[in-house]
Amino acid sequence: MADMSKECWELYIQAHKLWKKGQYDEAEQVLTKLNTAGGENVSKALLLGAYVKRSQEDFLPEKDILEKLVASECRDEPELLPTVYSLLGQVYNTIGLSEQAVEMFLCSVAAETSLKQKLVEYSNAIFAAASLPETDDEFWQDLYAGYEGLLESVGLVPFGEKRWQNERLRIGYLSSDFRQHPVASLLWPLVDKVDQSRFQVFCYGANDGQDKVTEAFKERANVWRQVTGWSFKSIAKQINIDKIDILVDLGGHTSNNMLPVLAYRPAKLQMSAIGWVGSSGMKEVDYVLGDEYCTPGEKQSAYVEDLASIKGSHFCFHVFKEMPQVVESSCLKTGHITFGCFNNFSKVTDAMLMAWGRILAGVPGSRLLLKHKLFNRAAGREYTLNRMARLGIAAEQVELRPFSEDYLEQYGDMDIALDTFPYTGGMTTFEALYMGVPVVSLYGAVRGQRFGYSILMNVGLGELAADNIEDYIRVAVTLGNSPKLVADLRCELRSMVEKSPLMDEENYTRKVEELYMKISRDK
C-alpha cells in the first residue's frame, strides 16, 4: 500500500463504497475532497477516480487520469500499471484511437504477471488491431505468433489421439454469448434446425448472465453444459469426455473468449466461426467458417487455419427480439438525405471520416447521423466534432446521438447506412437492411474485410459494395442523389432480406452440416 494519510485513506474507503453501490456523483464529491487532502498524488486514489469516470461512461476525463498514471508509471504502486495500461487501451479503442489502443494492451501484456490475464490483454490487442486502417499479412502473422507463444509458455499438454467413432457426429459450440447477443442470433439456426439423424449438439455456455435466449438454447441442445467459472483445462476435459467430433469456437479474440480451451485440442476437429472477423492465430484450430464471397480460396496468409466455405452466406440471422415496423424514408419528411452509421465508433477510422466528408459534399444538403455511447457526454461529442472538423466535416452536417435501447426505431431517421472499413459490420449491416436502410460497403481482400460485401451479395445488392475508396464514395453519392430509389428500397428491403440466404435457416443449416460431414471425412 502506498503511503496514504489516515484522512486520505478514510476518504478513499468512503469513495470506493459509494462507487461499488453505483452512487457515482456522490463518489466524485468524496474524491474531490480526497484529492484536496493529497490523494491526487496516490496512484490508487487516481485509479479509483478513473473507475468512477468509466462507470459514468465519461471517457475523456477517464483518459486524462489514466494518461497521468502512465506518465508517472504508478511509481508509488507499480503493481497497478498493467491494469492502467489495459483501461487506457479500452478508452483509446472507444474513442477511435486503435493504434494507441493496441500499444497499451501490449504494454499491459508485458507488465502483467498473471498468464491468464496476459492472454486476455493479448486478445484485447488483437481485437483492437482489427480496426487499424493499414496492416499487412506479416503484421498479423507476427501478432498471432505472440499469442501462440503465450499459450506455449504455459506448457500445457494437448489431449491425445481421439479414437472414438460416434454414431452421430457430435458438434460442440463453445461461447460466452448464449444470451441476447448477435452470436446467439447467428448460431440459433444450427441448433434449432439440426438434423438429429446425423448430428448431436453440445453447447458449452460460459456466459455470466442468462435470459430467455439462454433458456431456448438449453431446451433445444441435445446436451447443455454450464461451464461458467470453470478453468480452461476443466472445460477442455469435459469436451474430451463428451467425445466431441467438431468443436466450434464462437468468440475468437472478443471479450470473455474461450480460445485457451482449444489449445488443449480436446476435440477431433476444431473450427472458428461466426463471432470473430479474423484468425484465432492458433495452430490447434483447423478451420475458419466462411462463404463464397468472404473466402473464395482455401488459404489466406493472414490466417493460421484453412478456410472452409459454404455457398451463399456463412451468416444466417435469427431474430429473437421484436423488430420495429419499417417507416417511410427520412428524406421524404426532411427534404434531405441522411447518411448514417450505428456501427461501434471504434471502427471509424480517419480515412473513413474523410471519405464520408466527400460523400456529404457530393450530396447537397445531406447530413450524417452517428450513434454511440461516446456521445452520451458533452466532452465526447465535442471531441468527436473536433476530430471530424480536422478531417473536413463541419459540425452543422453532423448529428451525434447517445446510445439508447431504441436504436432500431432510429433507423427511421437514416436514409443510407455507411459501413466501416477495414472492420466491417455484421449484425449492424443486417439490422440496417432489415429496417429498410440500404448499406454502402467497402471491402478488401481478407475474409474479415468482406462481411458487408457478402451480406449485400446475398441480398441481391452487390452493386452497393465497392473494392476501393473512390468507388465507395461514388456509389454512396450516386445513391444519395437518387432519393426516389432510396424511398423504393425502403419499401422492399425487409422482404428482400427475409427471402434471402441471410434468413433461410433450413438451407443454411443443411449447408453447414454438409461442410461438417466433409471436413470430418477429409481429416
Protein backbone atom coordinates (compact mmCIF):
# COMPACT_ATOMS: atom_id res chain seq x y z
CA MET A 1 0.00 0.00 0.00
CA ALA A 2 1.27 3.44 -0.93
CA ASP A 3 1.88 5.96 1.83
CA MET A 4 -1.57 7.49 2.40
CA SER A 5 -2.59 9.63 5.34
CA LYS A 6 -5.37 8.46 7.64
CA GLU A 7 -7.66 11.18 6.30
CA CYS A 8 -6.98 10.19 2.67
CA TRP A 9 -7.45 6.52 3.45
CA GLU A 10 -10.82 7.11 5.11
CA LEU A 11 -11.97 9.23 2.16
CA TYR A 12 -10.73 6.58 -0.25
CA ILE A 13 -12.71 3.85 1.51
CA GLN A 14 -15.81 6.05 1.52
CA ALA A 15 -15.49 6.85 -2.20
CA HIS A 16 -14.85 3.19 -3.04
CA LYS A 17 -18.02 2.08 -1.20
CA LEU A 18 -20.10 4.72 -2.99
CA TRP A 19 -18.68 3.65 -6.36
CA LYS A 20 -19.48 -0.01 -5.66
CA LYS A 21 -23.06 0.99 -4.81
CA GLY A 22 -23.40 2.85 -8.11
CA GLN A 23 -23.60 6.25 -6.40
CA TYR A 24 -21.15 7.82 -8.84
CA ASP A 25 -21.92 11.51 -8.27
CA GLU A 26 -21.54 11.09 -4.53
CA ALA A 27 -18.30 9.16 -5.08
CA GLU A 28 -16.97 12.04 -7.17
CA GLN A 29 -17.75 14.52 -4.41
CA VAL A 30 -15.73 12.45 -1.95
CA LEU A 31 -12.91 12.07 -4.49
CA THR A 32 -12.72 15.86 -4.80
CA LYS A 33 -12.13 16.04 -1.03
CA LEU A 34 -9.62 13.20 -1.31
CA ASN A 35 -7.62 15.00 -3.99
CA THR A 36 -7.61 18.19 -1.91
CA ALA A 37 -6.23 16.17 1.00
CA GLY A 38 -3.36 14.87 -1.15
CA GLY A 39 -4.93 11.89 -2.89
CA GLU A 40 -4.05 13.27 -6.32
CA ASN A 41 -0.50 12.07 -5.68
CA VAL A 42 -1.55 8.50 -4.85
CA SER A 43 -1.94 6.08 -7.77
CA LYS A 44 -4.64 4.02 -6.07
CA ALA A 45 -6.78 7.12 -5.48
CA LEU A 46 -6.32 8.31 -9.06
CA LEU A 47 -7.22 4.88 -10.39
CA LEU A 48 -10.44 4.90 -8.38
CA GLY A 49 -11.26 8.23 -9.99
CA ALA A 50 -10.72 6.64 -13.40
CA TYR A 51 -13.04 3.77 -12.49
CA VAL A 52 -15.76 6.22 -11.45
CA LYS A 53 -15.45 8.08 -14.76
CA ARG A 54 -15.53 4.74 -16.59
CA SER A 55 -18.74 3.75 -14.79
CA GLN A 56 -20.26 7.08 -15.83
CA GLU A 57 -19.11 6.49 -19.43
CA ASP A 58 -17.26 9.80 -19.18
CA PHE A 59 -14.37 8.62 -21.34
CA LEU A 60 -12.31 11.77 -21.93
CA PRO A 61 -11.73 12.61 -18.25
CA GLU A 62 -11.01 8.91 -17.65
CA LYS A 63 -8.41 9.06 -20.41
CA ASP A 64 -6.74 12.09 -18.82
CA ILE A 65 -6.46 10.36 -15.44
CA LEU A 66 -5.06 7.16 -16.94
CA GLU A 67 -2.54 9.04 -19.06
CA LYS A 68 -1.33 10.80 -15.94
CA LEU A 69 -0.87 7.42 -14.26
CA VAL A 70 1.04 6.04 -17.25
CA ALA A 71 3.29 9.11 -17.31
CA SER A 72 4.13 8.58 -13.63
CA GLU A 73 4.47 4.79 -14.17
CA CYS A 74 2.47 4.43 -10.92
CA ARG A 75 5.74 4.96 -9.06
CA ASP A 76 4.19 4.51 -5.62
CA GLU A 77 2.25 1.38 -6.65
CA PRO A 78 3.79 -0.11 -9.85
CA GLU A 79 1.68 -3.25 -9.49
CA LEU A 80 -1.28 -1.15 -10.74
CA LEU A 81 0.41 -0.42 -14.07
CA PRO A 82 -0.90 -3.48 -16.02
CA THR A 83 -4.47 -2.52 -15.09
CA VAL A 84 -3.87 1.12 -16.01
CA TYR A 85 -2.48 0.13 -19.42
CA SER A 86 -5.49 -2.10 -20.05
CA LEU A 87 -8.04 0.54 -19.06
CA LEU A 88 -6.32 3.15 -21.20
CA GLY A 89 -6.32 0.73 -24.13
CA GLN A 90 -10.07 0.31 -23.72
CA VAL A 91 -10.60 4.08 -23.64
CA TYR A 92 -8.44 4.62 -26.72
CA ASN A 93 -10.39 1.93 -28.54
CA THR A 94 -13.71 3.53 -27.57
CA ILE A 95 -12.74 6.95 -28.92
CA GLY A 96 -11.33 5.57 -32.17
CA LEU A 97 -7.58 5.58 -31.43
CA SER A 98 -6.98 1.97 -32.40
CA GLU A 99 -3.22 2.21 -32.87
CA GLN A 100 -2.73 3.64 -29.39
CA ALA A 101 -5.14 1.02 -28.02
CA VAL A 102 -3.07 -1.83 -29.44
CA GLU A 103 0.08 -0.31 -27.95
CA MET A 104 -1.47 -0.01 -24.48
CA PHE A 105 -2.82 -3.56 -24.50
CA LEU A 106 0.59 -4.93 -25.47
CA CYS A 107 2.15 -2.84 -22.70
CA SER A 108 -0.30 -4.47 -20.32
CA VAL A 109 0.75 -7.90 -21.59
CA ALA A 110 4.39 -7.06 -20.91
CA ALA A 111 3.73 -5.70 -17.40
CA GLU A 112 1.21 -8.33 -16.33
CA THR A 113 2.36 -11.20 -14.11
CA SER A 114 -0.73 -13.42 -14.44
CA LEU A 115 -0.52 -15.60 -17.55
CA LYS A 116 -4.30 -15.87 -17.77
CA GLN A 117 -4.60 -12.07 -17.75
CA LYS A 118 -1.77 -11.80 -20.31
CA LEU A 119 -3.90 -13.88 -22.66
CA VAL A 120 -6.89 -11.58 -22.05
CA GLU A 121 -4.84 -8.47 -22.80
CA TYR A 122 -3.30 -10.03 -25.90
CA SER A 123 -6.78 -10.82 -27.21
CA ASN A 124 -7.72 -7.19 -26.49
CA ALA A 125 -4.76 -6.09 -28.61
CA ILE A 126 -5.76 -8.37 -31.48
CA PHE A 127 -9.37 -7.17 -31.29
CA ALA A 128 -8.31 -3.50 -31.39
CA ALA A 129 -5.94 -4.21 -34.27
CA ALA A 130 -8.89 -5.31 -36.44
CA SER A 131 -9.80 -1.62 -36.80
CA LEU A 132 -6.32 -0.49 -37.87
CA PRO A 133 -6.55 1.04 -41.36
CA GLU A 134 -3.23 -0.23 -42.69
CA THR A 135 -1.95 -3.69 -41.81
CA ASP A 136 -0.42 -6.48 -43.86
CA ASP A 137 -0.15 -10.24 -43.60
CA GLU A 138 3.23 -10.02 -41.87
CA PHE A 139 1.75 -7.77 -39.16
CA TRP A 140 -0.98 -10.32 -38.42
CA GLN A 141 1.37 -13.27 -38.57
CA ASP A 142 3.64 -11.61 -36.00
CA LEU A 143 0.70 -10.62 -33.77
CA TYR A 144 -0.79 -14.11 -33.82
CA ALA A 145 2.62 -15.67 -33.21
CA GLY A 146 2.82 -13.68 -29.99
CA TYR A 147 -0.49 -15.11 -28.79
CA GLU A 148 0.56 -18.64 -29.71
CA GLY A 149 3.84 -18.06 -27.88
CA LEU A 150 1.97 -17.16 -24.70
CA LEU A 151 -0.08 -20.33 -24.90
CA GLU A 152 3.04 -22.41 -25.46
CA SER A 153 4.72 -20.84 -22.44
CA VAL A 154 2.08 -22.47 -20.23
CA GLY A 155 3.47 -25.87 -21.13
CA LEU A 156 0.01 -27.41 -21.35
CA VAL A 157 -0.25 -30.85 -22.93
CA PRO A 158 -2.90 -31.36 -25.65
CA PHE A 159 -5.17 -34.34 -25.20
CA GLY A 160 -4.02 -37.47 -27.00
CA GLU A 161 -5.38 -39.28 -30.02
CA LYS A 162 -9.16 -39.29 -30.37
CA ARG A 163 -10.21 -42.77 -31.42
CA TRP A 164 -13.91 -42.60 -30.76
CA GLN A 165 -16.42 -43.31 -33.51
CA ASN A 166 -19.78 -41.73 -32.69
CA GLU A 167 -22.89 -43.00 -34.43
CA ARG A 168 -23.88 -39.37 -34.96
CA LEU A 169 -21.33 -36.56 -35.32
CA ARG A 170 -21.08 -34.62 -32.09
CA ILE A 171 -20.83 -30.86 -32.65
CA GLY A 172 -19.77 -28.73 -29.72
CA TYR A 173 -20.46 -25.00 -29.61
CA LEU A 174 -18.33 -23.00 -27.16
CA SER A 175 -19.32 -19.43 -26.30
CA SER A 176 -19.76 -16.78 -23.62
CA ASP A 177 -22.68 -15.33 -25.58
CA PHE A 178 -25.59 -17.74 -25.21
CA ARG A 179 -27.90 -14.79 -24.50
CA GLN A 180 -29.49 -11.86 -26.33
CA HIS A 181 -26.41 -11.23 -28.46
CA PRO A 182 -25.50 -11.26 -32.18
CA VAL A 183 -23.60 -14.54 -31.77
CA ALA A 184 -26.68 -16.27 -30.36
CA SER A 185 -28.83 -14.98 -33.24
CA LEU A 186 -26.34 -16.35 -35.76
CA LEU A 187 -25.90 -19.70 -34.01
CA TRP A 188 -29.56 -20.47 -33.36
CA PRO A 189 -30.37 -21.98 -36.80
CA LEU A 190 -27.56 -24.55 -36.38
CA VAL A 191 -29.02 -25.65 -33.04
CA ASP A 192 -32.72 -25.35 -33.81
CA LYS A 193 -32.69 -26.88 -37.31
CA VAL A 194 -30.11 -29.61 -36.67
CA ASP A 195 -30.57 -32.92 -38.47
CA GLN A 196 -30.97 -35.16 -35.44
CA SER A 197 -30.43 -38.28 -37.51
CA ARG A 198 -26.83 -37.28 -38.24
CA PHE A 199 -25.77 -34.86 -35.50
CA GLN A 200 -25.87 -34.25 -31.77
CA VAL A 201 -25.44 -30.70 -30.47
CA PHE A 202 -23.48 -29.98 -27.29
CA CYS A 203 -23.49 -26.37 -26.03
CA TYR A 204 -20.82 -25.15 -23.60
CA GLY A 205 -22.14 -21.92 -22.12
CA ALA A 206 -19.64 -19.69 -20.34
CA ASN A 207 -21.78 -16.55 -20.09
CA ASP A 208 -22.36 -14.97 -16.67
CA GLY A 209 -25.92 -13.74 -17.17
CA GLN A 210 -28.80 -15.79 -18.53
CA ASP A 211 -32.02 -14.77 -20.24
CA LYS A 212 -34.82 -16.20 -22.39
CA VAL A 213 -32.37 -16.82 -25.23
CA THR A 214 -30.18 -18.86 -22.90
CA GLU A 215 -33.20 -20.91 -21.88
CA ALA A 216 -34.09 -21.53 -25.53
CA PHE A 217 -30.62 -22.98 -26.19
CA LYS A 218 -30.83 -25.11 -23.05
CA GLU A 219 -34.12 -26.60 -24.23
CA ARG A 220 -33.03 -27.17 -27.83
CA ALA A 221 -29.49 -28.55 -27.44
CA ASN A 222 -29.05 -32.28 -27.04
CA VAL A 223 -26.65 -31.58 -24.19
CA TRP A 224 -26.17 -28.30 -22.32
CA ARG A 225 -23.08 -27.75 -20.18
CA GLN A 226 -23.00 -24.65 -18.00
CA VAL A 227 -19.23 -24.03 -17.71
CA THR A 228 -19.23 -20.52 -16.28
CA GLY A 229 -16.37 -20.16 -13.83
CA TRP A 230 -14.66 -23.36 -14.89
CA SER A 231 -10.96 -23.34 -15.67
CA PHE A 232 -9.98 -23.65 -19.33
CA LYS A 233 -8.49 -27.07 -18.59
CA SER A 234 -11.70 -28.27 -16.90
CA ILE A 235 -13.80 -27.17 -19.87
CA ALA A 236 -11.42 -28.90 -22.27
CA LYS A 237 -11.52 -32.07 -20.19
CA GLN A 238 -15.33 -32.11 -20.29
CA ILE A 239 -15.32 -31.63 -24.07
CA ASN A 240 -12.91 -34.54 -24.39
CA ILE A 241 -15.05 -36.71 -22.10
CA ASP A 242 -18.06 -35.84 -24.28
CA LYS A 243 -16.15 -37.18 -27.33
CA ILE A 244 -16.80 -34.11 -29.47
CA ASP A 245 -16.04 -34.59 -33.17
CA ILE A 246 -16.07 -30.91 -34.18
CA LEU A 247 -15.65 -28.14 -31.61
CA VAL A 248 -16.76 -24.73 -32.87
CA ASP A 249 -15.45 -21.66 -31.04
CA LEU A 250 -17.78 -18.67 -31.46
CA GLY A 251 -15.79 -15.92 -29.75
CA GLY A 252 -12.34 -15.68 -31.29
CA HIS A 253 -10.49 -12.76 -29.71
CA THR A 254 -13.63 -10.96 -28.49
CA SER A 255 -14.25 -10.28 -24.80
CA ASN A 256 -14.58 -13.20 -22.38
CA ASN A 257 -13.35 -15.60 -25.06
CA MET A 258 -12.62 -19.27 -24.50
CA LEU A 259 -9.77 -19.70 -27.01
CA PRO A 260 -7.33 -21.21 -24.47
CA VAL A 261 -9.68 -24.20 -24.23
CA LEU A 262 -8.83 -25.07 -27.83
CA ALA A 263 -5.12 -25.12 -27.02
CA TYR A 264 -5.73 -28.46 -25.28
CA ARG A 265 -7.19 -29.79 -28.54
CA PRO A 266 -9.98 -31.65 -26.74
CA ALA A 267 -11.96 -32.46 -29.92
CA LYS A 268 -11.09 -34.30 -33.12
CA LEU A 269 -11.50 -31.16 -35.23
CA GLN A 270 -11.68 -27.52 -34.17
CA MET A 271 -13.22 -24.56 -36.01
CA SER A 272 -13.63 -20.82 -35.51
CA ALA A 273 -16.93 -19.36 -36.70
CA ILE A 274 -19.44 -16.51 -36.56
CA GLY A 275 -18.22 -14.30 -33.70
CA TRP A 276 -14.80 -13.13 -34.86
CA VAL A 277 -13.59 -11.48 -38.08
CA GLY A 278 -10.01 -12.76 -38.06
CA SER A 279 -7.91 -15.81 -37.36
CA SER A 280 -7.64 -17.46 -33.97
CA GLY A 281 -3.88 -17.41 -34.54
CA MET A 282 -3.73 -20.94 -33.14
CA LYS A 283 -2.31 -23.98 -34.94
CA GLU A 284 -4.73 -26.09 -32.89
CA VAL A 285 -7.67 -24.62 -34.82
CA ASP A 286 -8.18 -26.42 -38.12
CA TYR A 287 -10.76 -24.28 -39.93
CA VAL A 288 -12.46 -20.90 -40.13
CA LEU A 289 -16.02 -20.84 -41.45
CA GLY A 290 -16.61 -18.62 -44.47
CA ASP A 291 -18.59 -18.38 -47.67
CA GLU A 292 -18.03 -17.99 -51.39
CA TYR A 293 -17.82 -14.20 -51.10
CA CYS A 294 -15.67 -13.92 -47.95
CA THR A 295 -13.38 -16.86 -48.55
CA PRO A 296 -13.13 -17.66 -52.28
CA GLY A 297 -10.00 -19.79 -51.63
CA GLU A 298 -8.91 -22.34 -49.05
CA LYS A 299 -6.00 -20.33 -47.63
CA GLN A 300 -5.23 -16.72 -46.78
CA SER A 301 -1.78 -15.90 -45.46
CA ALA A 302 -3.22 -13.77 -42.63
CA TYR A 303 -4.99 -16.90 -41.31
CA VAL A 304 -3.39 -19.79 -39.50
CA GLU A 305 -6.37 -22.03 -40.24
CA ASP A 306 -7.72 -23.41 -43.51
CA LEU A 307 -10.80 -21.59 -44.79
CA ALA A 308 -13.91 -23.74 -45.09
CA SER A 309 -16.59 -22.14 -47.27
CA ILE A 310 -20.24 -22.73 -47.99
CA LYS A 311 -22.36 -21.41 -50.86
CA GLY A 312 -24.35 -18.29 -50.14
CA SER A 313 -23.81 -16.74 -46.71
CA HIS A 314 -21.89 -18.05 -43.69
CA PHE A 315 -24.18 -15.81 -41.63
CA CYS A 316 -27.82 -16.67 -41.06
CA PHE A 317 -29.74 -14.27 -38.83
CA HIS A 318 -32.47 -15.39 -36.48
CA VAL A 319 -34.42 -12.51 -34.93
CA PHE A 320 -35.04 -13.14 -31.24
CA LYS A 321 -36.22 -9.64 -30.40
CA GLU A 322 -39.27 -7.87 -31.72
CA MET A 323 -38.25 -5.69 -34.66
CA PRO A 324 -39.99 -2.34 -35.26
CA GLN A 325 -42.00 -1.74 -38.39
CA VAL A 326 -40.30 -0.04 -41.33
CA VAL A 327 -41.34 3.60 -41.68
CA GLU A 328 -41.18 5.88 -44.71
CA SER A 329 -37.83 7.25 -45.82
CA SER A 330 -36.49 10.10 -43.75
CA CYS A 331 -35.71 12.17 -46.85
CA LEU A 332 -39.43 12.32 -47.72
CA LYS A 333 -40.04 14.16 -44.43
CA THR A 334 -36.88 16.26 -44.14
CA GLY A 335 -36.20 17.09 -47.77
CA HIS A 336 -32.56 15.96 -47.49
CA ILE A 337 -30.64 12.68 -47.45
CA THR A 338 -29.34 11.49 -44.09
CA PHE A 339 -26.37 9.16 -44.19
CA GLY A 340 -25.57 7.32 -41.00
CA CYS A 341 -23.61 4.68 -39.15
CA PHE A 342 -24.62 2.84 -35.97
CA ASN A 343 -21.53 0.60 -36.02
CA ASN A 344 -19.25 0.65 -32.99
CA PHE A 345 -17.49 4.02 -33.31
CA SER A 346 -14.13 2.40 -32.53
CA LYS A 347 -14.29 1.04 -36.09
CA VAL A 348 -14.48 4.52 -37.62
CA THR A 349 -11.02 5.44 -38.90
CA ASP A 350 -9.86 8.87 -40.04
CA ALA A 351 -9.79 7.53 -43.60
CA MET A 352 -13.48 6.65 -43.34
CA LEU A 353 -14.35 10.06 -41.93
CA MET A 354 -12.55 11.77 -44.81
CA ALA A 355 -14.47 9.59 -47.26
CA TRP A 356 -17.74 10.42 -45.51
CA GLY A 357 -16.88 14.11 -45.80
CA ARG A 358 -16.50 13.75 -49.55
CA ILE A 359 -19.81 11.87 -49.71
CA LEU A 360 -21.58 14.69 -47.84
CA ALA A 361 -20.02 17.23 -50.21
CA GLY A 362 -21.31 15.23 -53.19
CA VAL A 363 -24.93 15.20 -52.00
CA PRO A 364 -26.12 18.78 -51.44
CA GLY A 365 -27.82 19.37 -48.09
CA SER A 366 -27.08 15.88 -46.80
CA ARG A 367 -26.34 15.15 -43.17
CA LEU A 368 -24.57 12.44 -41.16
CA LEU A 369 -26.20 10.66 -38.19
CA LEU A 370 -23.96 8.78 -35.73
CA LYS A 371 -24.89 6.98 -32.54
CA HIS A 372 -22.58 5.66 -29.83
CA LYS A 373 -22.01 5.66 -26.08
CA LEU A 374 -19.10 8.10 -26.62
CA PHE A 375 -21.74 10.70 -27.44
CA ASN A 376 -23.55 10.28 -24.12
CA ARG A 377 -21.40 13.10 -22.71
CA ALA A 378 -20.76 16.62 -23.95
CA ALA A 379 -16.99 16.04 -23.78
CA GLY A 380 -17.31 13.01 -26.07
CA ARG A 381 -19.42 14.93 -28.56
CA GLU A 382 -17.02 17.86 -28.55
CA TYR A 383 -14.02 15.58 -29.00
CA THR A 384 -15.68 13.85 -31.98
CA LEU A 385 -16.81 17.08 -33.64
CA ASN A 386 -13.28 18.49 -33.34
CA ARG A 387 -11.86 15.32 -34.85
CA MET A 388 -14.34 15.47 -37.72
CA ALA A 389 -13.68 19.17 -38.31
CA ARG A 390 -9.98 18.40 -38.77
CA LEU A 391 -10.99 15.88 -41.43
CA GLY A 392 -13.29 18.18 -43.36
CA ILE A 393 -16.74 17.59 -41.85
CA ALA A 394 -18.46 20.64 -40.38
CA ALA A 395 -20.39 20.37 -37.12
CA GLU A 396 -23.62 21.53 -38.74
CA GLN A 397 -23.53 18.50 -41.06
CA VAL A 398 -23.48 16.01 -38.17
CA GLU A 399 -25.89 14.77 -35.53
CA LEU A 400 -24.31 12.79 -32.68
CA ARG A 401 -26.77 10.81 -30.60
CA PRO A 402 -26.13 8.97 -27.34
CA PHE A 403 -26.64 5.23 -27.32
CA SER A 404 -30.14 4.11 -26.35
CA GLU A 405 -32.08 0.86 -26.46
CA ASP A 406 -34.46 2.20 -29.12
CA TYR A 407 -31.71 2.44 -31.75
CA LEU A 408 -33.65 0.23 -34.19
CA GLU A 409 -36.51 2.73 -34.33
CA GLN A 410 -33.96 5.43 -35.05
CA TYR A 411 -33.15 3.83 -38.40
CA GLY A 412 -36.29 5.72 -39.36
CA ASP A 413 -34.15 8.87 -39.28
CA MET A 414 -31.50 7.41 -41.61
CA ASP A 415 -31.72 7.03 -45.39
CA ILE A 416 -28.40 5.36 -46.26
CA ALA A 417 -26.03 3.49 -43.94
CA LEU A 418 -22.27 3.78 -44.46
CA ASP A 419 -20.30 0.67 -43.49
CA THR A 420 -16.92 0.91 -41.77
CA PHE A 421 -13.60 -0.43 -43.04
CA PRO A 422 -11.44 -2.47 -42.50
CA TYR A 423 -13.62 -3.78 -39.62
CA THR A 424 -16.92 -4.05 -41.43
CA GLY A 425 -20.33 -4.54 -39.87
CA GLY A 426 -22.15 -7.85 -39.42
CA MET A 427 -25.28 -7.66 -37.29
CA THR A 428 -25.34 -3.87 -37.73
CA THR A 429 -25.44 -4.27 -41.52
CA PHE A 430 -28.21 -6.84 -41.28
CA GLU A 431 -30.27 -4.66 -38.93
CA ALA A 432 -29.95 -1.61 -41.20
CA LEU A 433 -31.11 -3.60 -44.23
CA TYR A 434 -33.94 -5.21 -42.26
CA MET A 435 -35.09 -1.73 -41.22
CA GLY A 436 -35.20 -0.66 -44.87
CA VAL A 437 -31.90 1.24 -44.97
CA PRO A 438 -29.54 0.40 -47.87
CA VAL A 439 -25.90 -0.06 -46.85
CA VAL A 440 -22.86 1.03 -48.85
CA SER A 441 -19.85 -1.12 -48.01
CA LEU A 442 -16.13 -1.07 -48.81
CA TYR A 443 -14.38 -4.44 -48.94
CA GLY A 444 -10.83 -5.75 -49.12
CA ALA A 445 -9.02 -8.98 -49.90
CA VAL A 446 -9.20 -10.60 -46.45
CA ARG A 447 -12.18 -12.59 -45.15
CA GLY A 448 -12.90 -10.23 -42.24
CA GLN A 449 -12.97 -7.23 -44.58
CA ARG A 450 -15.65 -8.78 -46.79
CA PHE A 451 -18.62 -9.33 -44.49
CA GLY A 452 -20.52 -6.34 -45.88
CA TYR A 453 -19.82 -7.50 -49.43
CA SER A 454 -21.10 -10.99 -48.63
CA ILE A 455 -24.26 -9.71 -46.98
CA LEU A 456 -25.05 -7.37 -49.87
CA MET A 457 -24.37 -10.06 -52.48
CA ASN A 458 -26.69 -12.44 -50.69
CA VAL A 459 -29.47 -9.83 -50.59
CA GLY A 460 -29.03 -9.02 -54.27
CA LEU A 461 -27.46 -5.59 -53.78
CA GLY A 462 -23.86 -6.32 -54.70
CA GLU A 463 -23.70 -3.04 -56.63
CA LEU A 464 -23.65 -1.22 -53.27
CA ALA A 465 -20.29 -2.81 -52.41
CA ALA A 466 -17.00 -1.39 -53.67
CA ASP A 467 -13.43 -2.67 -53.55
CA ASN A 468 -11.78 0.76 -53.47
CA ILE A 469 -12.42 4.05 -51.69
CA GLU A 470 -13.19 6.06 -54.83
CA ASP A 471 -15.93 3.66 -55.91
CA TYR A 472 -17.25 3.55 -52.34
CA ILE A 473 -17.67 7.33 -52.45
CA ARG A 474 -19.13 7.22 -55.96
CA VAL A 475 -21.72 4.57 -55.04
CA ALA A 476 -22.79 6.49 -51.91
CA VAL A 477 -23.03 9.81 -53.77
CA THR A 478 -25.00 8.27 -56.65
CA LEU A 479 -27.45 6.65 -54.26
CA GLY A 480 -27.67 9.82 -52.17
CA ASN A 481 -28.65 11.80 -55.25
CA SER A 482 -31.40 9.28 -56.04
CA PRO A 483 -33.99 9.88 -53.30
CA LYS A 484 -36.73 8.02 -55.19
CA LEU A 485 -34.58 4.90 -55.38
CA VAL A 486 -33.83 5.24 -51.67
CA ALA A 487 -37.55 5.51 -50.93
CA ASP A 488 -38.34 2.50 -53.12
CA LEU A 489 -35.67 0.40 -51.42
CA ARG A 490 -37.16 1.36 -48.07
CA CYS A 491 -40.34 -0.44 -49.01
CA GLU A 492 -38.66 -3.52 -50.48
CA LEU A 493 -35.58 -4.26 -48.37
CA ARG A 494 -37.17 -6.16 -45.50
CA SER A 495 -38.85 -8.56 -47.89
CA MET A 496 -35.60 -8.94 -49.85
CA VAL A 497 -33.72 -9.82 -46.67
CA GLU A 498 -36.37 -12.26 -45.47
CA LYS A 499 -36.31 -14.11 -48.82
CA SER A 500 -32.50 -14.17 -49.00
CA PRO A 501 -29.99 -16.74 -47.72
CA LEU A 502 -29.48 -14.41 -44.73
CA MET A 503 -32.68 -15.73 -43.17
CA ASP A 504 -33.11 -19.13 -44.82
CA GLU A 505 -32.39 -21.10 -41.66
CA GLU A 506 -33.19 -24.56 -43.05
CA ASN A 507 -30.94 -24.32 -46.12
CA TYR A 508 -28.17 -22.63 -44.18
CA THR A 509 -28.11 -25.40 -41.61
CA ARG A 510 -28.02 -28.12 -44.28
CA LYS A 511 -25.05 -26.40 -45.98
CA VAL A 512 -23.08 -26.11 -42.75
CA GLU A 513 -23.91 -29.69 -41.84
CA GLU A 514 -22.66 -30.91 -45.21
CA LEU A 515 -19.47 -28.98 -44.54
CA TYR A 516 -19.18 -30.68 -41.15
CA MET A 517 -19.55 -34.07 -42.83
CA LYS A 518 -16.95 -33.20 -45.46
CA ILE A 519 -14.24 -31.98 -43.09
CA SER A 520 -14.82 -34.94 -40.78
CA ARG A 521 -14.19 -37.27 -43.72
CA ASP A 522 -11.19 -35.30 -45.01
CA LYS A 523 -9.21 -35.26 -41.76
